[in-house]
Amino acid sequence: MWPGVITAGLFSLMLAYNDFTVTALLLNQENHTMVPKNTKLSRN
């Protein structure tokens, strides 16, 4: 039973950490979504 619990715990930890890193990369101040980027380009 314990190897399965440890494996499931490690798997969920890896998925949670992967979700955190992807979100941190996408929500960086340098990254813009298309709407603010388009409005910035159209005002120049």
PDB file of N, CA and C in Angstrom:
ATOM      1  N   MET A   1       0.819  -1.199   0.000  1.00  0.00           N
ATOM      2  CA  MET A   1       0.000   0.000   0.000  1.00  0.00           C
ATOM      3  C   MET A   1       0.858   1.257   0.000  1.00  0.00           C
ATOM      4  N   TRP A   2       1.929   1.283   0.763  1.00  0.00           N
ATOM      5  CA  TRP A   2       2.730   2.503   0.872  1.00  0.00           C
ATOM      6  C   TRP A   2       3.428   2.917  -0.422  1.00  0.00           C
ATOM      7  N   PRO A   3       3.910   1.967  -1.234  1.00  0.00           N
ATOM      8  CA  PRO A   3       4.505   2.434  -2.510  1.00  0.00           C
ATOM      9  C   PRO A   3       3.501   3.162  -3.399  1.00  0.00           C
ATOM     10  N   GLY A   4       2.263   2.722  -3.389  1.00  0.00           N
ATOM     11  CA  GLY A   4       1.239   3.407  -4.176  1.00  0.00           C
ATOM     12  C   GLY A   4       0.922   4.787  -3.638  1.00  0.00           C
ATOM     13  N   VAL A   5       0.897   4.925  -2.309  1.00  0.00           N
ATOM     14  CA  VAL A   5       0.627   6.234  -1.693  1.00  0.00           C
ATOM     15  C   VAL A   5       1.767   7.196  -1.995  1.00  0.00           C
ATOM     16  N   ILE A   6       2.998   6.705  -1.901  1.00  0.00           N
ATOM     17  CA  ILE A   6       4.165   7.556  -2.183  1.00  0.00           C
ATOM     18  C   ILE A   6       4.185   7.958  -3.651  1.00  0.00           C
ATOM     19  N   THR A   7       3.888   7.016  -4.529  1.00  0.00           N
ATOM     20  CA  THR A   7       3.870   7.323  -5.965  1.00  0.00           C
ATOM     21  C   THR A   7       2.772   8.329  -6.301  1.00  0.00           C
ATOM     22  N   ALA A   8       1.601   8.162  -5.731  1.00  0.00           N
ATOM     23  CA  ALA A   8       0.510   9.112  -5.981  1.00  0.00           C
ATOM     24  C   ALA A   8       0.848  10.487  -5.419  1.00  0.00           C
ATOM     25  N   GLY A   9       1.497  10.540  -4.265  1.00  0.00           N
ATOM     26  CA  GLY A   9       1.908  11.815  -3.682  1.00  0.00           C
ATOM     27  C   GLY A   9       2.937  12.524  -4.534  1.00  0.00           C
ATOM     28  N   LEU A  10       3.931  11.776  -5.019  1.00  0.00           N
ATOM     29  CA  LEU A  10       4.943  12.386  -5.890  1.00  0.00           C
ATOM     30  C   LEU A  10       4.337  12.858  -7.208  1.00  0.00           C
ATOM     31  N   PHE A  11       3.421  12.083  -7.747  1.00  0.00           N
ATOM     32  CA  PHE A  11       2.781  12.461  -9.004  1.00  0.00           C
ATOM     33  C   PHE A  11       1.968  13.736  -8.842  1.00  0.00           C
ATOM     34  N   SER A  12       1.199  13.832  -7.754  1.00  0.00           N
ATOM     35  CA  SER A  12       0.407  15.043  -7.548  1.00  0.00           C
ATOM     36  C   SER A  12       1.291  16.247  -7.236  1.00  0.00           C
ATOM     37  N   LEU A  13       2.403  16.035  -6.557  1.00  0.00           N
ATOM     38  CA  LEU A  13       3.341  17.123  -6.299  1.00  0.00           C
ATOM     39  C   LEU A  13       3.958  17.633  -7.599  1.00  0.00           C
ATOM     40  N   MET A  14       4.329  16.727  -8.486  1.00  0.00           N
ATOM     41  CA  MET A  14       4.901  17.143  -9.777  1.00  0.00           C
ATOM     42  C   MET A  14       3.876  17.897 -10.615  1.00  0.00           C
ATOM     43  N   LEU A  15       2.618  17.447 -10.611  1.00  0.00           N
ATOM     44  CA  LEU A  15       1.584  18.145 -11.374  1.00  0.00           C
ATOM     45  C   LEU A  15       1.319  19.537 -10.808  1.00  0.00           C
ATOM     46  N   ALA A  16       1.290  19.657  -9.489  1.00  0.00           N
ATOM     47  CA  ALA A  16       1.049  20.963  -8.872  1.00  0.00           C
ATOM     48  C   ALA A  16       2.205  21.913  -9.146  1.00  0.00           C
ATOM     49  N   TYR A  17       3.439  21.413  -9.078  1.00  0.00           N
ATOM     50  CA  TYR A  17       4.593  22.269  -9.336  1.00  0.00           C
ATOM     51  C   TYR A  17       4.634  22.689 -10.801  1.00  0.00           C
ATOM     52  N   ASN A  18       4.272  21.776 -11.705  1.00  0.00           N
ATOM     53  CA  ASN A  18       4.237  22.110 -13.124  1.00  0.00           C
ATOM     54  C   ASN A  18       3.184  23.182 -13.392  1.00  0.00           C
ATOM     55  N   ASP A  19       2.047  23.085 -12.744  1.00  0.00           N
ATOM     56  CA  ASP A  19       0.995  24.090 -12.907  1.00  0.00           C
ATOM     57  C   ASP A  19       1.469  25.450 -12.390  1.00  0.00           C
ATOM     58  N   PHE A  20       2.201  25.452 -11.289  1.00  0.00           N
ATOM     59  CA  PHE A  20       2.715  26.703 -10.738  1.00  0.00           C
ATOM     60  C   PHE A  20       3.747  27.341 -11.659  1.00  0.00           C
ATOM     61  N   THR A  21       4.672  26.563 -12.211  1.00  0.00           N
ATOM     62  CA  THR A  21       5.709  27.143 -13.066  1.00  0.00           C
ATOM     63  C   THR A  21       5.135  27.676 -14.369  1.00  0.00           C
ATOM     64  N   VAL A  22       4.187  26.967 -14.954  1.00  0.00           N
ATOM     65  CA  VAL A  22       3.578  27.444 -16.200  1.00  0.00           C
ATOM     66  C   VAL A  22       2.814  28.733 -15.948  1.00  0.00           C
ATOM     67  N   THR A  23       2.083  28.799 -14.848  1.00  0.00           N
ATOM     68  CA  THR A  23       1.340  30.015 -14.509  1.00  0.00           C
ATOM     69  C   THR A  23       2.293  31.170 -14.224  1.00  0.00           C
ATOM     70  N   ALA A  24       3.375  30.912 -13.533  1.00  0.00           N
ATOM     71  CA  ALA A  24       4.341  31.964 -13.233  1.00  0.00           C
ATOM     72  C   ALA A  24       4.993  32.487 -14.509  1.00  0.00           C
ATOM     73  N   LEU A  25       5.236  31.621 -15.472  1.00  0.00           N
ATOM     74  CA  LEU A  25       5.817  32.073 -16.732  1.00  0.00           C
ATOM     75  C   LEU A  25       4.814  32.873 -17.557  1.00  0.00           C
ATOM     76  N   LEU A  26       3.557  32.453 -17.554  1.00  0.00           N
ATOM     77  CA  LEU A  26       2.558  33.146 -18.365  1.00  0.00           C
ATOM     78  C   LEU A  26       2.142  34.479 -17.765  1.00  0.00           C
ATOM     79  N   LEU A  27       2.213  34.626 -16.454  1.00  0.00           N
ATOM     80  CA  LEU A  27       1.772  35.857 -15.810  1.00  0.00           C
ATOM     81  C   LEU A  27       2.926  36.820 -15.535  1.00  0.00           C
ATOM     82  N   ASN A  28       4.013  36.687 -16.239  1.00  0.00           N
ATOM     83  CA  ASN A  28       5.136  37.586 -16.116  1.00  0.00           C
ATOM     84  C   ASN A  28       4.742  38.965 -16.644  1.00  0.00           C
ATOM     85  N   GLN A  29       5.322  40.023 -16.103  1.00  0.00           N
ATOM     86  CA  GLN A  29       4.976  41.382 -16.529  1.00  0.00           C
ATOM     87  C   GLN A  29       5.365  41.649 -17.985  1.00  0.00           C
ATOM     88  N   GLU A  30       6.373  40.963 -18.493  1.00  0.00           N
ATOM     89  CA  GLU A  30       6.812  41.185 -19.868  1.00  0.00           C
ATOM     90  C   GLU A  30       5.878  40.533 -20.883  1.00  0.00           C
ATOM     91  N   ASN A  31       5.144  39.517 -20.463  1.00  0.00           N
ATOM     92  CA  ASN A  31       4.225  38.822 -21.369  1.00  0.00           C
ATOM     93  C   ASN A  31       2.885  39.540 -21.372  1.00  0.00           C
ATOM     94  N   HIS A  32       2.381  39.820 -22.548  1.00  0.00           N
ATOM     95  CA  HIS A  32       1.095  40.500 -22.687  1.00  0.00           C
ATOM     96  C   HIS A  32       0.139  39.594 -23.438  1.00  0.00           C
ATOM     97  N   THR A  33      -1.136  39.760 -23.149  1.00  0.00           N
ATOM     98  CA  THR A  33      -2.134  39.075 -23.956  1.00  0.00           C
ATOM     99  C   THR A  33      -2.342  39.862 -25.244  1.00  0.00           C
ATOM    100  N   MET A  34      -3.132  39.335 -26.148  1.00  0.00           N
ATOM    101  CA  MET A  34      -3.271  39.973 -27.458  1.00  0.00           C
ATOM    102  C   MET A  34      -3.997  41.309 -27.397  1.00  0.00           C
ATOM    103  N   VAL A  35      -4.979  41.480 -26.541  1.00  0.00           N
ATOM    104  CA  VAL A  35      -5.752  42.730 -26.526  1.00  0.00           C
ATOM    105  C   VAL A  35      -4.890  43.920 -26.092  1.00  0.00           C
ATOM    106  N   PRO A  36      -4.166  43.860 -24.960  1.00  0.00           N
ATOM    107  CA  PRO A  36      -3.312  45.007 -24.622  1.00  0.00           C
ATOM    108  C   PRO A  36      -2.193  45.225 -25.636  1.00  0.00           C
ATOM    109  N   LYS A  37      -1.672  44.149 -26.200  1.00  0.00           N
ATOM    110  CA  LYS A  37      -0.612  44.288 -27.188  1.00  0.00           C
ATOM    111  C   LYS A  37      -1.148  44.964 -28.446  1.00  0.00           C
ATOM    112  N   ASN A  38      -2.345  44.608 -28.884  1.00  0.00           N
ATOM    113  CA  ASN A  38      -2.931  45.225 -30.073  1.00  0.00           C
ATOM    114  C   ASN A  38      -3.266  46.692 -29.828  1.00  0.00           C
ATOM    115  N   THR A  39      -3.789  47.022 -28.659  1.00  0.00           N
ATOM    116  CA  THR A  39      -4.118  48.415 -28.398  1.00  0.00           C
ATOM    117  C   THR A  39      -2.858  49.261 -28.278  1.00  0.00           C
ATOM    118  N   LYS A  40      -1.799  48.671 -27.738  1.00  0.00           N
ATOM    119  CA  LYS A  40      -0.535  49.401 -27.668  1.00  0.00           C
ATOM    120  C   LYS A  40       0.007  49.675 -29.062  1.00  0.00           C
ATOM    121  N   LEU A  41      -0.116  48.718 -29.966  1.00  0.00           N
ATOM    122  CA  LEU A  41       0.369  48.917 -31.325  1.00  0.00           C
ATOM    123  C   LEU A  41      -0.504  49.899 -32.109  1.00  0.00           C
ATOM    124  N   SER A  42      -1.786  49.898 -31.871  1.00  0.00           N
ATOM    125  CA  SER A  42      -2.678  50.771 -32.641  1.00  0.00           C
ATOM    126  C   SER A  42      -2.593  52.229 -32.190  1.00  0.00           C
ATOM    127  N   ARG A  43      -2.140  52.482 -30.978  1.00  0.00           N
ATOM    128  CA  ARG A  43      -2.035  53.867 -30.496  1.00  0.00           C
ATOM    129  C   ARG A  43      -0.754  54.556 -30.945  1.00  0.00           C
ATOM    130  N   ASN A  44       0.211  53.806 -31.441  1.00  0.00           N
ATOM    131  CA  ASN A  44       1.478  54.428 -31.877  1.00  0.00           C
ATOM    132  C   ASN A  44       1.354  55.077 -33.210  1.00  0.00           C
TER     133      ASN A  44
END
